[in-house]
Structure formats: structure tokens, C-alpha cells
Amino acid sequence: DVQVVESGGGLVQAGGSLRLSCAASGFPFSRLAIGWFRQAPGKEREGISCISMNDGNTYYAISVRGRFTISSDNAKNTVYLQMNRLKPEDTGLYYCNTVPFGPWGQGTHVTVSS
């Protein structure tokens, strides 16, 4: 079965950094894309970054471009999201998922204090 597990969230001051991890299993990792999504309190879930496991192409939402970096370790079936220069508006529950979507994981909380 397809499964993703997110980790790495926490509490950080504005301007700080965190690295999120997405461990994936149950599907041919190299054939899909993996995306990071976040849901801020009271808002809809939004896609913020994506990486093609086939050719390494990446996508970033304007809100995180230049601050976040997505990468992958195919040997570990893991995708990372390095988040730098964090802002209070980055606070939310962060999820990863395959693209096309599979089951959603529990997510990992990120809280950025001002």
C-alpha cells in the first residue's frame, strides 16, 4: 500500500530554518512526483512545492520561492523540504503526497513565532 510519513516539524522563530522529511513506500518511487502541501489555520490546503522523481524537475509556489528547497534521496525513498528564512505565515500543518494523490499522511506541524 502507498504510504507517506512526514517528520521534522517544530517551533522556530521567524528567520529560522527547518528541514522536513517525507518517507514514502508502496509505489515505484522513481516514476512519480512528490509534492509538499500545507494547511494554515482556517485556510485551505495548498501546494507549495513538487519534485519529479524521474527527472528532478521542481516547482515552487511564489510564496516560498527562494526560501524553500525540495530535494530527494531516491536510495532512501525520501523527499526533503529545506525551509529557510521562515515567516509566521509559514505556520501550518505540512503534508507530502504523491502526484497523482495517494493516501494523505498525518502531516507535521510547523509553527513560526514572530
Protein backbone atom coordinates (compact mmCIF):
# COMPACT_ATOMS: atom_id res chain seq x y z
CA ASP A 1 0.00 0.00 0.00
CA VAL A 2 1.09 3.55 -0.71
CA GLN A 3 2.21 5.33 2.44
CA VAL A 4 3.89 8.63 3.22
CA VAL A 5 5.16 9.73 6.63
CA GLU A 6 6.12 13.31 7.33
CA SER A 7 8.51 14.45 10.03
CA GLY A 8 10.74 17.33 11.02
CA GLY A 9 8.26 19.98 12.04
CA GLY A 10 8.58 22.07 15.15
CA LEU A 11 8.59 25.52 16.68
CA VAL A 12 11.04 28.04 15.29
CA GLN A 13 11.49 31.79 15.44
CA ALA A 14 10.96 33.92 12.38
CA GLY A 15 14.06 33.87 10.23
CA GLY A 16 14.95 30.35 11.33
CA SER A 17 15.11 27.09 9.40
CA LEU A 18 13.62 23.62 9.47
CA ARG A 19 14.02 20.56 7.28
CA LEU A 20 11.02 18.36 6.70
CA SER A 21 11.29 14.76 5.60
CA CYS A 22 8.81 12.64 3.67
CA ALA A 23 9.42 8.89 3.76
CA ALA A 24 7.47 7.14 1.05
CA SER A 25 6.74 3.48 0.43
CA GLY A 26 4.48 1.16 -1.50
CA PHE A 27 4.95 2.53 -5.01
CA PRO A 28 7.70 2.85 -7.64
CA PHE A 29 9.38 5.92 -6.20
CA SER A 30 11.26 6.86 -9.34
CA ARG A 31 8.17 7.02 -11.53
CA LEU A 32 6.14 9.63 -9.74
CA ALA A 33 6.30 13.15 -8.41
CA ILE A 34 6.19 14.04 -4.74
CA GLY A 35 4.67 17.26 -3.51
CA TRP A 36 4.65 19.22 -0.28
CA PHE A 37 1.43 20.84 0.82
CA ARG A 38 0.47 22.93 3.80
CA GLN A 39 -2.70 23.93 5.54
CA ALA A 40 -2.61 27.09 7.59
CA PRO A 41 -5.13 27.53 10.40
CA GLY A 42 -8.52 28.35 8.91
CA LYS A 43 -7.33 28.03 5.33
CA GLU A 44 -7.48 25.50 2.52
CA ARG A 45 -4.63 23.10 1.89
CA GLU A 46 -2.26 24.48 -0.73
CA GLY A 47 0.55 23.01 -2.78
CA ILE A 48 3.89 24.67 -2.14
CA SER A 49 6.50 22.53 -3.85
CA CYS A 50 6.88 19.45 -6.01
CA ILE A 51 9.69 17.36 -7.43
CA SER A 52 9.64 14.89 -10.29
CA MET A 53 11.38 11.72 -9.20
CA ASN A 54 12.05 10.89 -12.84
CA ASP A 55 13.97 13.95 -13.99
CA GLY A 56 14.38 16.06 -10.87
CA ASN A 57 12.34 19.00 -12.14
CA THR A 58 10.99 21.13 -9.32
CA TYR A 59 8.15 23.56 -8.72
CA TYR A 60 7.71 26.18 -6.03
CA ALA A 61 4.75 28.34 -5.14
CA ILE A 62 5.51 32.04 -5.27
CA SER A 63 5.06 32.30 -1.50
CA VAL A 64 8.05 30.01 -0.81
CA ARG A 65 10.22 30.51 -3.89
CA GLY A 66 13.77 31.46 -2.96
CA ARG A 67 13.33 30.33 0.65
CA PHE A 68 12.39 26.65 0.40
CA THR A 69 14.28 23.91 -1.43
CA ILE A 70 12.89 20.48 -2.29
CA SER A 71 15.22 17.55 -2.82
CA SER A 72 15.13 13.79 -2.88
CA ASP A 73 17.19 10.78 -1.92
CA ASN A 74 15.96 8.02 -4.19
CA ALA A 75 18.01 5.40 -2.38
CA LYS A 76 16.08 6.19 0.80
CA ASN A 77 12.72 6.86 -0.90
CA THR A 78 12.70 10.16 0.93
CA VAL A 79 11.93 13.70 -0.12
CA TYR A 80 13.08 16.70 1.88
CA LEU A 81 11.89 20.26 2.17
CA GLN A 82 14.54 22.65 3.45
CA MET A 83 12.79 25.74 4.73
CA ASN A 84 14.89 28.84 5.35
CA ARG A 85 14.01 32.40 6.38
CA LEU A 86 10.76 31.17 7.85
CA LYS A 87 7.93 33.62 8.40
CA PRO A 88 4.96 33.50 10.78
CA GLU A 89 2.71 33.00 7.75
CA ASP A 90 4.52 29.71 7.07
CA THR A 91 2.83 28.28 10.16
CA GLY A 92 0.65 25.28 9.40
CA LEU A 93 0.34 21.55 9.05
CA TYR A 94 2.66 20.29 6.34
CA TYR A 95 1.89 17.20 4.30
CA CYS A 96 3.59 15.35 1.50
CA ASN A 97 1.88 13.21 -1.09
CA THR A 98 2.46 11.57 -4.40
CA VAL A 99 1.26 13.26 -7.55
CA PRO A 100 -1.26 11.90 -8.57
CA PHE A 101 -2.51 11.81 -4.98
CA GLY A 102 -2.37 8.77 -2.79
CA PRO A 103 -3.48 8.50 0.82
CA TRP A 104 -2.67 11.53 2.97
CA GLY A 105 -0.38 11.14 5.96
CA GLN A 106 -0.74 12.73 9.38
CA GLY A 107 1.36 15.74 8.47
CA THR A 108 3.90 17.54 10.59
CA HIS A 109 3.27 20.81 12.41
CA VAL A 110 5.36 23.89 11.73
CA THR A 111 4.97 26.90 13.98
CA VAL A 112 6.91 30.08 13.30
CA SER A 113 6.85 32.65 16.07
CA SER A 114 7.34 36.34 15.43
